[in-house]
């Protein structure tokens, strides 16, 4: 019998009851989330990422009037977190953090400052001071949300040759070369004005990427040229019903590793939209699934990809679904698992 217990982590806001990063266990035999507890106490660790070797976790962090990234070691037996160090700078904390597979470079996106930062790591996974900080310029047509740049995502292309930054404030997706932590702009795509691009995920064939927009509630299908690092937008598809007129803001986007399905979360409509991927990379809607709570900020496929765990920020809950690998459809298994102010969920890799 294969492994039946998987360790997950939840990043949170700490404006209310939350104490920091939480850990939980997904029991695939019982089909339930168990053993939720505090893994590390820190302020506003809203986004997390885990290294490919499962030895380190990186979290955005707030400390007084400063913000930055904290590095942790992960205990191989218990999953317990031990902070190694943190790198901070003035102003608000970042909103997104990524790490390359070799665990040499960490990048973060700062929504409030409109910046992308790159850090080199030490042998133990601890962080050196920022090697590069790039400040974006420009704005968009939405006067309340696009008055200046708001970088919401920074991650690596599949071959890790480039770093991609998604800017909600100026409607751009920018590709950077990174050499020893130094970021150099290579290409930039302007998407539809006012769409507010937020998060991005690559197709496993590396020819396509999918960008979730926050303001227009769409997925942008992008053709990606791995050599030049350039993107081209080829489809915009709504993630909420056309007749839904209340406030809704797109949040997270993830793909199944076979590249057949794209999942996108909607805060307000409080749903996960399921899309099938066509041979040309374009999407068609399969269904909407309720997140059984308020403001689903992120979700994650478990290592078996037979389950999805979503995090409802406003209701402070995790919700568990079974995922049908053939149809992509989600079936509710468990809801109302308490994790206060839950934002981001990640699993240790299988």
C-alpha atoms as a PDB file:
ATOM      1  CA  UNK A   1       0.000   0.000   0.000  1.00  0.00           C
ATOM      2  CA  UNK A   2       1.305   3.450  -0.910  1.00  0.00           C
ATOM      3  CA  UNK A   3       1.757   6.457   1.289  1.00  0.00           C
ATOM      4  CA  UNK A   4      -1.508   7.694   2.807  1.00  0.00           C
ATOM      5  CA  UNK A   5      -0.445  10.720   4.864  1.00  0.00           C
ATOM      6  CA  UNK A   6       0.857  13.930   3.327  1.00  0.00           C
ATOM      7  CA  UNK A   7       2.132  16.970   5.223  1.00  0.00           C
ATOM      8  CA  UNK A   8       0.757  20.355   4.214  1.00  0.00           C
ATOM      9  CA  UNK A   9       1.391  23.936   5.306  1.00  0.00           C
ATOM     10  CA  UNK A  10      -0.893  26.964   5.331  1.00  0.00           C
ATOM     11  CA  UNK A  11       0.277  30.567   5.199  1.00  0.00           C
ATOM     12  CA  UNK A  12      -2.002  33.169   6.768  1.00  0.00           C
ATOM     13  CA  UNK A  13      -2.624  36.775   7.613  1.00  0.00           C
ATOM     14  CA  UNK A  14      -2.128  37.468  11.330  1.00  0.00           C
ATOM     15  CA  UNK A  15      -4.492  40.403  11.706  1.00  0.00           C
ATOM     16  CA  UNK A  16      -6.842  38.416  13.950  1.00  0.00           C
ATOM     17  CA  UNK A  17      -6.614  34.969  15.557  1.00  0.00           C
ATOM     18  CA  UNK A  18      -3.870  33.477  13.393  1.00  0.00           C
ATOM     19  CA  UNK A  19      -0.412  32.916  14.889  1.00  0.00           C
ATOM     20  CA  UNK A  20       1.539  32.341  11.661  1.00  0.00           C
ATOM     21  CA  UNK A  21       2.223  29.222   9.565  1.00  0.00           C
ATOM     22  CA  UNK A  22       0.060  26.167  10.244  1.00  0.00           C
ATOM     23  CA  UNK A  23       0.729  22.540   9.375  1.00  0.00           C
ATOM     24  CA  UNK A  24      -1.830  19.834   8.666  1.00  0.00           C
ATOM     25  CA  UNK A  25      -1.982  16.224   7.475  1.00  0.00           C
ATOM     26  CA  UNK A  26      -3.992  14.996   4.504  1.00  0.00           C
ATOM     27  CA  UNK A  27      -5.060  11.418   5.205  1.00  0.00           C
ATOM     28  CA  UNK A  28      -5.870  10.006   1.763  1.00  0.00           C
ATOM     29  CA  UNK A  29      -7.144   6.737   3.210  1.00  0.00           C
ATOM     30  CA  UNK A  30      -9.712   8.464   5.445  1.00  0.00           C
ATOM     31  CA  UNK A  31     -10.113  11.267   2.875  1.00  0.00           C
ATOM     32  CA  UNK A  32      -9.819  14.010   5.462  1.00  0.00           C
ATOM     33  CA  UNK A  33      -7.579  16.787   6.778  1.00  0.00           C
ATOM     34  CA  UNK A  34      -6.229  16.070  10.275  1.00  0.00           C
ATOM     35  CA  UNK A  35      -3.919  17.408  12.953  1.00  0.00           C
ATOM     36  CA  UNK A  36      -3.975  21.152  12.245  1.00  0.00           C
ATOM     37  CA  UNK A  37      -1.457  23.007  14.441  1.00  0.00           C
ATOM     38  CA  UNK A  38       0.845  26.028  14.506  1.00  0.00           C
ATOM     39  CA  UNK A  39       4.166  25.290  12.785  1.00  0.00           C
ATOM     40  CA  UNK A  40       5.879  28.680  13.156  1.00  0.00           C
ATOM     41  CA  UNK A  41       4.878  31.954  14.783  1.00  0.00           C
ATOM     42  CA  UNK A  42       5.481  35.039  12.629  1.00  0.00           C
ATOM     43  CA  UNK A  43       3.551  38.000  11.236  1.00  0.00           C
ATOM     44  CA  UNK A  44       1.656  37.778   7.942  1.00  0.00           C
ATOM     45  CA  UNK A  45       3.328  34.735   6.332  1.00  0.00           C
ATOM     46  CA  UNK A  46       0.749  34.981   3.570  1.00  0.00           C
ATOM     47  CA  UNK A  47       2.616  33.060   0.886  1.00  0.00           C
ATOM     48  CA  UNK A  48       4.905  30.039   1.144  1.00  0.00           C
ATOM     49  CA  UNK A  49       6.995  27.854  -1.111  1.00  0.00           C
ATOM     50  CA  UNK A  50       8.843  24.608  -0.428  1.00  0.00           C
ATOM     51  CA  UNK A  51      12.118  23.465  -1.997  1.00  0.00           C
ATOM     52  CA  UNK A  52      12.188  20.442  -4.298  1.00  0.00           C
ATOM     53  CA  UNK A  53      14.201  18.463  -1.714  1.00  0.00           C
ATOM     54  CA  UNK A  54      11.598  19.201   1.034  1.00  0.00           C
ATOM     55  CA  UNK A  55      14.331  20.572   3.308  1.00  0.00           C
ATOM     56  CA  UNK A  56      13.456  24.257   3.301  1.00  0.00           C
ATOM     57  CA  UNK A  57      10.388  26.474   3.327  1.00  0.00           C
ATOM     58  CA  UNK A  58      10.362  30.152   2.396  1.00  0.00           C
ATOM     59  CA  UNK A  59       7.641  32.513   3.603  1.00  0.00           C
ATOM     60  CA  UNK A  60       6.923  36.176   3.160  1.00  0.00           C
ATOM     61  CA  UNK A  61       7.072  37.937   6.524  1.00  0.00           C
ATOM     62  CA  UNK A  62       6.212  41.238   8.161  1.00  0.00           C
ATOM     63  CA  UNK A  63       8.236  42.643  11.049  1.00  0.00           C
ATOM     64  CA  UNK A  64       7.115  46.017  12.371  1.00  0.00           C
ATOM     65  CA  UNK A  65       7.441  48.558   9.562  1.00  0.00           C
ATOM     66  CA  UNK A  66       9.552  46.180   7.467  1.00  0.00           C
ATOM     67  CA  UNK A  67       8.805  43.241   5.219  1.00  0.00           C
ATOM     68  CA  UNK A  68      10.724  40.505   3.464  1.00  0.00           C
ATOM     69  CA  UNK A  69      11.298  36.769   3.265  1.00  0.00           C
ATOM     70  CA  UNK A  70      12.003  34.234   6.044  1.00  0.00           C
ATOM     71  CA  UNK A  71      13.863  30.954   5.528  1.00  0.00           C
ATOM     72  CA  UNK A  72      13.054  27.792   7.499  1.00  0.00           C
ATOM     73  CA  UNK A  73      14.467  24.306   7.711  1.00  0.00           C
ATOM     74  CA  UNK A  74      11.953  21.447   7.672  1.00  0.00           C
ATOM     75  CA  UNK A  75      12.422  18.487  10.009  1.00  0.00           C
ATOM     76  CA  UNK A  76      12.349  15.367   7.815  1.00  0.00           C
ATOM     77  CA  UNK A  77      10.510  13.272  10.424  1.00  0.00           C
ATOM     78  CA  UNK A  78       8.024  15.636  12.031  1.00  0.00           C
ATOM     79  CA  UNK A  79       7.684  18.396   9.422  1.00  0.00           C
ATOM     80  CA  UNK A  80       8.475  20.941  12.161  1.00  0.00           C
ATOM     81  CA  UNK A  81       9.835  24.323  11.043  1.00  0.00           C
ATOM     82  CA  UNK A  82      12.938  26.036  12.420  1.00  0.00           C
ATOM     83  CA  UNK A  83      13.662  29.581  11.275  1.00  0.00           C
ATOM     84  CA  UNK A  84      17.135  30.051   9.809  1.00  0.00           C
ATOM     85  CA  UNK A  85      17.016  33.781   9.114  1.00  0.00           C
ATOM     86  CA  UNK A  86      15.046  36.541   7.422  1.00  0.00           C
ATOM     87  CA  UNK A  87      15.933  39.333   5.046  1.00  0.00           C
ATOM     88  CA  UNK A  88      13.941  42.541   5.526  1.00  0.00           C
ATOM     89  CA  UNK A  89      13.638  45.963   3.956  1.00  0.00           C
ATOM     90  CA  UNK A  90      11.520  49.030   4.578  1.00  0.00           C
ATOM     91  CA  UNK A  91       7.851  49.092   3.667  1.00  0.00           C
ATOM     92  CA  UNK A  92       5.149  46.474   3.347  1.00  0.00           C
ATOM     93  CA  UNK A  93       5.860  42.761   3.136  1.00  0.00           C
ATOM     94  CA  UNK A  94       5.860  40.898  -0.194  1.00  0.00           C
ATOM     95  CA  UNK A  95       2.847  38.864  -1.367  1.00  0.00           C
ATOM     96  CA  UNK A  96       4.549  36.020  -3.234  1.00  0.00           C
ATOM     97  CA  UNK A  97       7.745  33.968  -3.008  1.00  0.00           C
ATOM     98  CA  UNK A  98       9.299  31.266  -5.236  1.00  0.00           C
ATOM     99  CA  UNK A  99      12.475  29.166  -5.146  1.00  0.00           C
ATOM    100  CA  UNK A 100      14.309  27.414  -7.973  1.00  0.00           C
ATOM    101  CA  UNK A 101      14.772  23.629  -8.004  1.00  0.00           C
ATOM    102  CA  UNK A 102      18.478  23.840  -7.152  1.00  0.00           C
ATOM    103  CA  UNK A 103      17.631  25.992  -4.109  1.00  0.00           C
ATOM    104  CA  UNK A 104      20.095  28.665  -5.157  1.00  0.00           C
ATOM    105  CA  UNK A 105      17.785  31.596  -5.871  1.00  0.00           C
ATOM    106  CA  UNK A 106      14.630  32.875  -4.153  1.00  0.00           C
ATOM    107  CA  UNK A 107      12.461  35.577  -5.740  1.00  0.00           C
ATOM    108  CA  UNK A 108       9.666  37.615  -4.203  1.00  0.00           C
ATOM    109  CA  UNK A 109       6.975  39.960  -5.500  1.00  0.00           C
ATOM    110  CA  UNK A 110       5.919  43.031  -3.544  1.00  0.00           C
ATOM    111  CA  UNK A 111       2.428  44.302  -4.317  1.00  0.00           C
ATOM    112  CA  UNK A 112       2.661  47.517  -2.292  1.00  0.00           C
ATOM    113  CA  UNK A 113       6.171  48.541  -3.355  1.00  0.00           C
ATOM    114  CA  UNK A 114       5.792  47.388  -6.977  1.00  0.00           C
ATOM    115  CA  UNK A 115       9.083  45.502  -6.834  1.00  0.00           C
ATOM    116  CA  UNK A 116      10.643  42.140  -7.689  1.00  0.00           C
ATOM    117  CA  UNK A 117      13.516  40.968  -5.480  1.00  0.00           C
ATOM    118  CA  UNK A 118      16.019  38.138  -5.924  1.00  0.00           C
ATOM    119  CA  UNK A 119      18.032  36.520  -3.120  1.00  0.00           C
ATOM    120  CA  UNK A 120      20.836  34.003  -3.278  1.00  0.00           C
ATOM    121  CA  UNK A 121      20.864  31.259  -0.638  1.00  0.00           C
ATOM    122  CA  UNK A 122      23.537  29.756   1.565  1.00  0.00           C
ATOM    123  CA  UNK A 123      24.302  26.024   1.783  1.00  0.00           C
ATOM    124  CA  UNK A 124      21.766  25.478   4.588  1.00  0.00           C
ATOM    125  CA  UNK A 125      19.021  27.331   2.709  1.00  0.00           C
ATOM    126  CA  UNK A 126      19.330  30.572   4.660  1.00  0.00           C
ATOM    127  CA  UNK A 127      19.040  33.805   2.695  1.00  0.00           C
ATOM    128  CA  UNK A 128      21.698  36.297   1.717  1.00  0.00           C
ATOM    129  CA  UNK A 129      20.692  39.976   1.438  1.00  0.00           C
ATOM    130  CA  UNK A 130      18.779  40.836  -1.733  1.00  0.00           C
ATOM    131  CA  UNK A 131      21.080  40.646  -4.743  1.00  0.00           C
ATOM    132  CA  UNK A 132      18.672  42.531  -6.974  1.00  0.00           C
ATOM    133  CA  UNK A 133      15.564  44.672  -6.506  1.00  0.00           C
ATOM    134  CA  UNK A 134      13.709  45.844  -9.617  1.00  0.00           C
ATOM    135  CA  UNK A 135      11.113  48.599  -9.294  1.00  0.00           C
ATOM    136  CA  UNK A 136       8.330  48.586 -11.874  1.00  0.00           C
ATOM    137  CA  UNK A 137       6.781  51.733 -13.373  1.00  0.00           C
ATOM    138  CA  UNK A 138       3.460  52.563 -14.986  1.00  0.00           C
ATOM    139  CA  UNK A 139      -0.219  52.271 -14.150  1.00  0.00           C
ATOM    140  CA  UNK A 140      -3.534  51.029 -15.532  1.00  0.00           C
ATOM    141  CA  UNK A 141      -7.044  52.369 -16.178  1.00  0.00           C
ATOM    142  CA  UNK A 142      -8.573  51.225 -12.849  1.00  0.00           C
ATOM    143  CA  UNK A 143      -8.111  54.289 -10.597  1.00  0.00           C
ATOM    144  CA  UNK A 144      -8.503  52.389  -7.317  1.00  0.00           C
ATOM    145  CA  UNK A 145      -6.348  49.339  -8.035  1.00  0.00           C
ATOM    146  CA  UNK A 146      -3.983  50.404 -10.816  1.00  0.00           C
ATOM    147  CA  UNK A 147      -2.764  53.801  -9.674  1.00  0.00           C
ATOM    148  CA  UNK A 148       0.805  52.427  -9.689  1.00  0.00           C
ATOM    149  CA  UNK A 149       2.612  49.096 -10.210  1.00  0.00           C
ATOM    150  CA  UNK A 150       1.508  46.180  -8.026  1.00  0.00           C
ATOM    151  CA  UNK A 151       3.684  43.113  -8.605  1.00  0.00           C
ATOM    152  CA  UNK A 152       1.670  40.084  -7.458  1.00  0.00           C
ATOM    153  CA  UNK A 153       3.714  37.091  -8.636  1.00  0.00           C
ATOM    154  CA  UNK A 154       7.374  36.244  -9.236  1.00  0.00           C
ATOM    155  CA  UNK A 155       8.317  32.741 -10.350  1.00  0.00           C
ATOM    156  CA  UNK A 156      10.647  30.765 -12.586  1.00  0.00           C
ATOM    157  CA  UNK A 157      10.049  29.521 -16.119  1.00  0.00           C
ATOM    158  CA  UNK A 158      10.080  25.693 -16.388  1.00  0.00           C
ATOM    159  CA  UNK A 159      13.728  25.607 -17.509  1.00  0.00           C
ATOM    160  CA  UNK A 160      14.499  28.216 -14.805  1.00  0.00           C
ATOM    161  CA  UNK A 161      16.367  30.321 -17.338  1.00  0.00           C
ATOM    162  CA  UNK A 162      14.062  33.258 -16.620  1.00  0.00           C
ATOM    163  CA  UNK A 163      12.065  34.841 -13.803  1.00  0.00           C
ATOM    164  CA  UNK A 164       8.530  35.983 -14.672  1.00  0.00           C
ATOM    165  CA  UNK A 165       6.881  38.880 -12.831  1.00  0.00           C
ATOM    166  CA  UNK A 166       3.136  39.521 -13.092  1.00  0.00           C
ATOM    167  CA  UNK A 167       2.041  43.103 -12.371  1.00  0.00           C
ATOM    168  CA  UNK A 168      -1.605  43.752 -11.522  1.00  0.00           C
ATOM    169  CA  UNK A 169      -1.081  47.524 -11.436  1.00  0.00           C
ATOM    170  CA  UNK A 170       0.289  48.099 -14.928  1.00  0.00           C
ATOM    171  CA  UNK A 171      -1.186  45.059 -16.748  1.00  0.00           C
ATOM    172  CA  UNK A 172       2.165  43.515 -17.695  1.00  0.00           C
ATOM    173  CA  UNK A 173       3.921  40.162 -17.628  1.00  0.00           C
ATOM    174  CA  UNK A 174       7.681  40.743 -17.601  1.00  0.00           C
ATOM    175  CA  UNK A 175      10.468  38.224 -18.198  1.00  0.00           C
ATOM    176  CA  UNK A 176      13.844  38.690 -16.500  1.00  0.00           C
ATOM    177  CA  UNK A 177      17.117  36.911 -17.007  1.00  0.00           C
ATOM    178  CA  UNK A 178      18.749  36.117 -13.666  1.00  0.00           C
ATOM    179  CA  UNK A 179      22.486  35.714 -13.294  1.00  0.00           C
ATOM    180  CA  UNK A 180      23.927  35.375  -9.799  1.00  0.00           C
ATOM    181  CA  UNK A 181      20.764  36.983  -8.462  1.00  0.00           C
ATOM    182  CA  UNK A 182      20.983  39.948 -10.849  1.00  0.00           C
ATOM    183  CA  UNK A 183      17.698  40.503 -12.689  1.00  0.00           C
ATOM    184  CA  UNK A 184      17.780  41.909 -16.234  1.00  0.00           C
ATOM    185  CA  UNK A 185      14.636  42.561 -18.243  1.00  0.00           C
ATOM    186  CA  UNK A 186      14.384  40.455 -21.422  1.00  0.00           C
ATOM    187  CA  UNK A 187      10.783  40.891 -22.578  1.00  0.00           C
ATOM    188  CA  UNK A 188       7.431  42.333 -21.515  1.00  0.00           C
ATOM    189  CA  UNK A 189       3.864  41.664 -22.597  1.00  0.00           C
ATOM    190  CA  UNK A 190       1.083  44.180 -22.059  1.00  0.00           C
ATOM    191  CA  UNK A 191      -2.244  42.391 -21.564  1.00  0.00           C
ATOM    192  CA  UNK A 192      -5.713  43.913 -21.895  1.00  0.00           C
ATOM    193  CA  UNK A 193      -5.858  47.202 -19.973  1.00  0.00           C
ATOM    194  CA  UNK A 194      -7.723  46.905 -16.683  1.00  0.00           C
ATOM    195  CA  UNK A 195      -7.529  43.111 -16.523  1.00  0.00           C
ATOM    196  CA  UNK A 196      -5.175  43.155 -13.514  1.00  0.00           C
ATOM    197  CA  UNK A 197      -3.038  40.036 -14.049  1.00  0.00           C
ATOM    198  CA  UNK A 198      -2.240  38.316 -10.745  1.00  0.00           C
ATOM    199  CA  UNK A 199      -0.799  34.766 -10.851  1.00  0.00           C
ATOM    200  CA  UNK A 200       0.697  32.549 -13.539  1.00  0.00           C
ATOM    201  CA  UNK A 201       1.190  28.804 -14.072  1.00  0.00           C
ATOM    202  CA  UNK A 202       2.983  26.947 -16.870  1.00  0.00           C
ATOM    203  CA  UNK A 203       1.743  24.005 -18.895  1.00  0.00           C
ATOM    204  CA  UNK A 204       4.047  20.954 -18.593  1.00  0.00           C
ATOM    205  CA  UNK A 205       4.780  21.079 -22.335  1.00  0.00           C
ATOM    206  CA  UNK A 206       6.353  24.507 -21.706  1.00  0.00           C
ATOM    207  CA  UNK A 207       4.653  25.976 -24.778  1.00  0.00           C
ATOM    208  CA  UNK A 208       1.785  27.580 -22.865  1.00  0.00           C
ATOM    209  CA  UNK A 209       1.206  29.468 -19.644  1.00  0.00           C
ATOM    210  CA  UNK A 210      -2.008  30.543 -17.937  1.00  0.00           C
ATOM    211  CA  UNK A 211      -2.435  33.858 -16.147  1.00  0.00           C
ATOM    212  CA  UNK A 212      -5.257  34.537 -13.683  1.00  0.00           C
ATOM    213  CA  UNK A 213      -6.534  38.105 -13.676  1.00  0.00           C
ATOM    214  CA  UNK A 214      -7.866  39.638 -10.496  1.00  0.00           C
ATOM    215  CA  UNK A 215      -9.854  42.571 -11.857  1.00  0.00           C
ATOM    216  CA  UNK A 216     -11.494  41.067 -14.963  1.00  0.00           C
ATOM    217  CA  UNK A 217     -11.898  37.520 -13.539  1.00  0.00           C
ATOM    218  CA  UNK A 218     -10.354  35.809 -16.549  1.00  0.00           C
ATOM    219  CA  UNK A 219      -7.691  33.312 -17.467  1.00  0.00           C
ATOM    220  CA  UNK A 220      -5.336  34.587 -20.139  1.00  0.00           C
ATOM    221  CA  UNK A 221      -3.942  31.762 -22.274  1.00  0.00           C
ATOM    222  CA  UNK A 222      -0.383  32.594 -23.269  1.00  0.00           C
ATOM    223  CA  UNK A 223       1.892  31.089 -25.882  1.00  0.00           C
ATOM    224  CA  UNK A 224       5.410  30.947 -24.445  1.00  0.00           C
ATOM    225  CA  UNK A 225       8.681  30.920 -26.364  1.00  0.00           C
ATOM    226  CA  UNK A 226      11.169  29.224 -24.085  1.00  0.00           C
ATOM    227  CA  UNK A 227      14.188  30.466 -26.042  1.00  0.00           C
ATOM    228  CA  UNK A 228      13.412  34.169 -25.972  1.00  0.00           C
ATOM    229  CA  UNK A 229      11.254  34.195 -22.834  1.00  0.00           C
ATOM    230  CA  UNK A 230       8.462  36.008 -24.686  1.00  0.00           C
ATOM    231  CA  UNK A 231       4.708  35.594 -24.186  1.00  0.00           C
ATOM    232  CA  UNK A 232       1.800  36.120 -26.586  1.00  0.00           C
ATOM    233  CA  UNK A 233      -1.830  36.279 -25.410  1.00  0.00           C
ATOM    234  CA  UNK A 234      -4.114  34.015 -27.478  1.00  0.00           C
ATOM    235  CA  UNK A 235      -7.309  33.648 -25.388  1.00  0.00           C
ATOM    236  CA  UNK A 236      -9.203  35.403 -22.596  1.00  0.00           C
ATOM    237  CA  UNK A 237     -11.847  33.262 -20.880  1.00  0.00           C
ATOM    238  CA  UNK A 238     -14.098  34.230 -17.959  1.00  0.00           C
ATOM    239  CA  UNK A 239     -13.720  32.356 -14.654  1.00  0.00           C
ATOM    240  CA  UNK A 240     -17.157  33.353 -13.345  1.00  0.00           C
ATOM    241  CA  UNK A 241     -20.620  33.170 -14.942  1.00  0.00           C
ATOM    242  CA  UNK A 242     -21.446  36.084 -17.245  1.00  0.00           C
ATOM    243  CA  UNK A 243     -24.571  36.862 -15.192  1.00  0.00           C
ATOM    244  CA  UNK A 244     -22.684  37.126 -11.879  1.00  0.00           C
ATOM    245  CA  UNK A 245     -22.640  40.873 -11.166  1.00  0.00           C
ATOM    246  CA  UNK A 246     -21.490  41.040  -7.538  1.00  0.00           C
ATOM    247  CA  UNK A 247     -17.893  41.757  -6.534  1.00  0.00           C
ATOM    248  CA  UNK A 248     -15.520  38.954  -7.444  1.00  0.00           C
ATOM    249  CA  UNK A 249     -11.738  38.976  -7.687  1.00  0.00           C
ATOM    250  CA  UNK A 250      -9.632  36.261  -9.290  1.00  0.00           C
ATOM    251  CA  UNK A 251      -6.994  34.678  -7.054  1.00  0.00           C
ATOM    252  CA  UNK A 252      -4.955  31.507  -7.665  1.00  0.00           C
ATOM    253  CA  UNK A 253      -4.365  29.312 -10.712  1.00  0.00           C
ATOM    254  CA  UNK A 254      -2.869  25.803 -10.895  1.00  0.00           C
ATOM    255  CA  UNK A 255      -2.644  22.983 -13.447  1.00  0.00           C
ATOM    256  CA  UNK A 256      -2.720  19.223 -13.171  1.00  0.00           C
ATOM    257  CA  UNK A 257       0.722  17.825 -13.983  1.00  0.00           C
ATOM    258  CA  UNK A 258      -0.636  16.007 -17.063  1.00  0.00           C
ATOM    259  CA  UNK A 259      -1.583  19.404 -18.475  1.00  0.00           C
ATOM    260  CA  UNK A 260      -5.208  18.410 -19.081  1.00  0.00           C
ATOM    261  CA  UNK A 261      -6.922  20.719 -16.583  1.00  0.00           C
ATOM    262  CA  UNK A 262      -6.581  24.278 -15.323  1.00  0.00           C
ATOM    263  CA  UNK A 263      -8.110  25.309 -11.977  1.00  0.00           C
ATOM    264  CA  UNK A 264      -8.782  28.954 -11.091  1.00  0.00           C
ATOM    265  CA  UNK A 265     -10.222  30.393  -7.863  1.00  0.00           C
ATOM    266  CA  UNK A 266     -12.694  33.258  -7.552  1.00  0.00           C
ATOM    267  CA  UNK A 267     -13.093  35.382  -4.410  1.00  0.00           C
ATOM    268  CA  UNK A 268     -16.637  36.722  -4.224  1.00  0.00           C
ATOM    269  CA  UNK A 269     -18.184  34.103  -6.464  1.00  0.00           C
ATOM    270  CA  UNK A 270     -16.384  31.823  -3.945  1.00  0.00           C
ATOM    271  CA  UNK A 271     -15.649  29.065  -6.389  1.00  0.00           C
ATOM    272  CA  UNK A 272     -13.012  27.125  -8.256  1.00  0.00           C
ATOM    273  CA  UNK A 273     -13.510  27.138 -12.008  1.00  0.00           C
ATOM    274  CA  UNK A 274     -12.410  23.961 -13.790  1.00  0.00           C
ATOM    275  CA  UNK A 275     -11.201  24.188 -17.400  1.00  0.00           C
ATOM    276  CA  UNK A 276     -10.199  21.508 -19.898  1.00  0.00           C
ATOM    277  CA  UNK A 277      -7.088  22.225 -21.969  1.00  0.00           C
ATOM    278  CA  UNK A 278      -7.406  21.710 -25.730  1.00  0.00           C
ATOM    279  CA  UNK A 279      -4.604  20.557 -28.057  1.00  0.00           C
ATOM    280  CA  UNK A 280      -3.993  24.200 -28.999  1.00  0.00           C
ATOM    281  CA  UNK A 281      -3.606  25.132 -25.314  1.00  0.00           C
ATOM    282  CA  UNK A 282      -6.925  26.986 -25.257  1.00  0.00           C
ATOM    283  CA  UNK A 283      -9.477  26.411 -22.501  1.00  0.00           C
ATOM    284  CA  UNK A 284     -13.103  25.330 -22.296  1.00  0.00           C
ATOM    285  CA  UNK A 285     -15.146  25.489 -19.098  1.00  0.00           C
ATOM    286  CA  UNK A 286     -15.969  22.209 -17.347  1.00  0.00           C
ATOM    287  CA  UNK A 287     -17.720  23.464 -14.194  1.00  0.00           C
ATOM    288  CA  UNK A 288     -17.709  25.797 -11.187  1.00  0.00           C
ATOM    289  CA  UNK A 289     -17.344  24.267  -7.703  1.00  0.00           C
ATOM    290  CA  UNK A 290     -18.291  26.147  -4.524  1.00  0.00           C
ATOM    291  CA  UNK A 291     -15.501  26.592  -1.993  1.00  0.00           C
ATOM    292  CA  UNK A 292     -18.031  26.242   0.844  1.00  0.00           C
ATOM    293  CA  UNK A 293     -16.646  29.398   2.453  1.00  0.00           C
ATOM    294  CA  UNK A 294     -15.699  32.996   1.836  1.00  0.00           C
ATOM    295  CA  UNK A 295     -12.816  34.430  -0.230  1.00  0.00           C
ATOM    296  CA  UNK A 296     -10.788  31.431  -1.536  1.00  0.00           C
ATOM    297  CA  UNK A 297      -7.360  32.978  -1.851  1.00  0.00           C
ATOM    298  CA  UNK A 298      -5.417  29.886  -2.879  1.00  0.00           C
ATOM    299  CA  UNK A 299      -5.640  26.112  -3.284  1.00  0.00           C
ATOM    300  CA  UNK A 300      -3.285  23.214  -3.997  1.00  0.00           C
ATOM    301  CA  UNK A 301      -3.314  19.804  -5.643  1.00  0.00           C
ATOM    302  CA  UNK A 302      -1.942  17.167  -3.279  1.00  0.00           C
ATOM    303  CA  UNK A 303       1.079  15.067  -4.408  1.00  0.00           C
ATOM    304  CA  UNK A 304      -1.212  12.285  -5.695  1.00  0.00           C
ATOM    305  CA  UNK A 305      -3.342  14.889  -7.552  1.00  0.00           C
ATOM    306  CA  UNK A 306      -6.438  12.954  -6.482  1.00  0.00           C
ATOM    307  CA  UNK A 307      -7.320  15.721  -4.020  1.00  0.00           C
ATOM    308  CA  UNK A 308      -7.442  19.522  -3.867  1.00  0.00           C
ATOM    309  CA  UNK A 309      -7.288  21.611  -0.693  1.00  0.00           C
ATOM    310  CA  UNK A 310      -8.607  25.192  -0.882  1.00  0.00           C
ATOM    311  CA  UNK A 311      -8.092  28.009   1.650  1.00  0.00           C
ATOM    312  CA  UNK A 312     -10.962  30.399   2.437  1.00  0.00           C
ATOM    313  CA  UNK A 313      -9.423  33.556   3.914  1.00  0.00           C
ATOM    314  CA  UNK A 314     -12.505  35.333   5.242  1.00  0.00           C
ATOM    315  CA  UNK A 315     -14.175  32.272   6.747  1.00  0.00           C
ATOM    316  CA  UNK A 316     -10.826  30.928   8.015  1.00  0.00           C
ATOM    317  CA  UNK A 317     -11.329  27.416   6.683  1.00  0.00           C
ATOM    318  CA  UNK A 318      -9.727  24.727   4.569  1.00  0.00           C
ATOM    319  CA  UNK A 319     -11.936  22.610   2.312  1.00  0.00           C
ATOM    320  CA  UNK A 320     -11.050  19.215   0.808  1.00  0.00           C
ATOM    321  CA  UNK A 321     -12.182  17.833  -2.542  1.00  0.00           C
ATOM    322  CA  UNK A 322     -11.638  14.586  -4.390  1.00  0.00           C
ATOM    323  CA  UNK A 323     -10.392  15.240  -7.936  1.00  0.00           C
ATOM    324  CA  UNK A 324     -11.290  12.989 -10.839  1.00  0.00           C
ATOM    325  CA  UNK A 325      -8.137  12.776 -12.988  1.00  0.00           C
ATOM    326  CA  UNK A 326     -10.170  11.849 -16.087  1.00  0.00           C
ATOM    327  CA  UNK A 327     -12.837  14.559 -15.975  1.00  0.00           C
ATOM    328  CA  UNK A 328     -11.114  17.154 -13.780  1.00  0.00           C
ATOM    329  CA  UNK A 329     -14.293  17.421 -11.706  1.00  0.00           C
ATOM    330  CA  UNK A 330     -14.113  18.140  -7.958  1.00  0.00           C
ATOM    331  CA  UNK A 331     -16.283  16.443  -5.315  1.00  0.00           C
ATOM    332  CA  UNK A 332     -16.597  17.899  -1.813  1.00  0.00           C
ATOM    333  CA  UNK A 333     -15.243  15.649   0.956  1.00  0.00           C
ATOM    334  CA  UNK A 334     -14.707  17.944   3.961  1.00  0.00           C
ATOM    335  CA  UNK A 335     -15.309  21.602   4.763  1.00  0.00           C
ATOM    336  CA  UNK A 336     -14.959  24.042   7.654  1.00  0.00           C
ATOM    337  CA  UNK A 337     -11.513  22.820   8.761  1.00  0.00           C
ATOM    338  CA  UNK A 338     -10.411  25.783  10.925  1.00  0.00           C
ATOM    339  CA  UNK A 339      -7.261  27.672   9.890  1.00  0.00           C
ATOM    340  CA  UNK A 340      -7.662  31.373  10.733  1.00  0.00           C
ATOM    341  CA  UNK A 341      -7.085  33.872   7.896  1.00  0.00           C
ATOM    342  CA  UNK A 342      -5.834  31.102   5.603  1.00  0.00           C
ATOM    343  CA  UNK A 343      -4.201  32.354   2.414  1.00  0.00           C
ATOM    344  CA  UNK A 344      -1.790  29.882   0.810  1.00  0.00           C
ATOM    345  CA  UNK A 345      -1.549  26.087   0.982  1.00  0.00           C
ATOM    346  CA  UNK A 346       1.419  23.908  -0.037  1.00  0.00           C
ATOM    347  CA  UNK A 347       2.379  20.260   0.411  1.00  0.00           C
ATOM    348  CA  UNK A 348       5.735  18.622   0.893  1.00  0.00           C
ATOM    349  CA  UNK A 349       6.571  17.081  -2.482  1.00  0.00           C
ATOM    350  CA  UNK A 350       5.893  13.399  -3.036  1.00  0.00           C
END
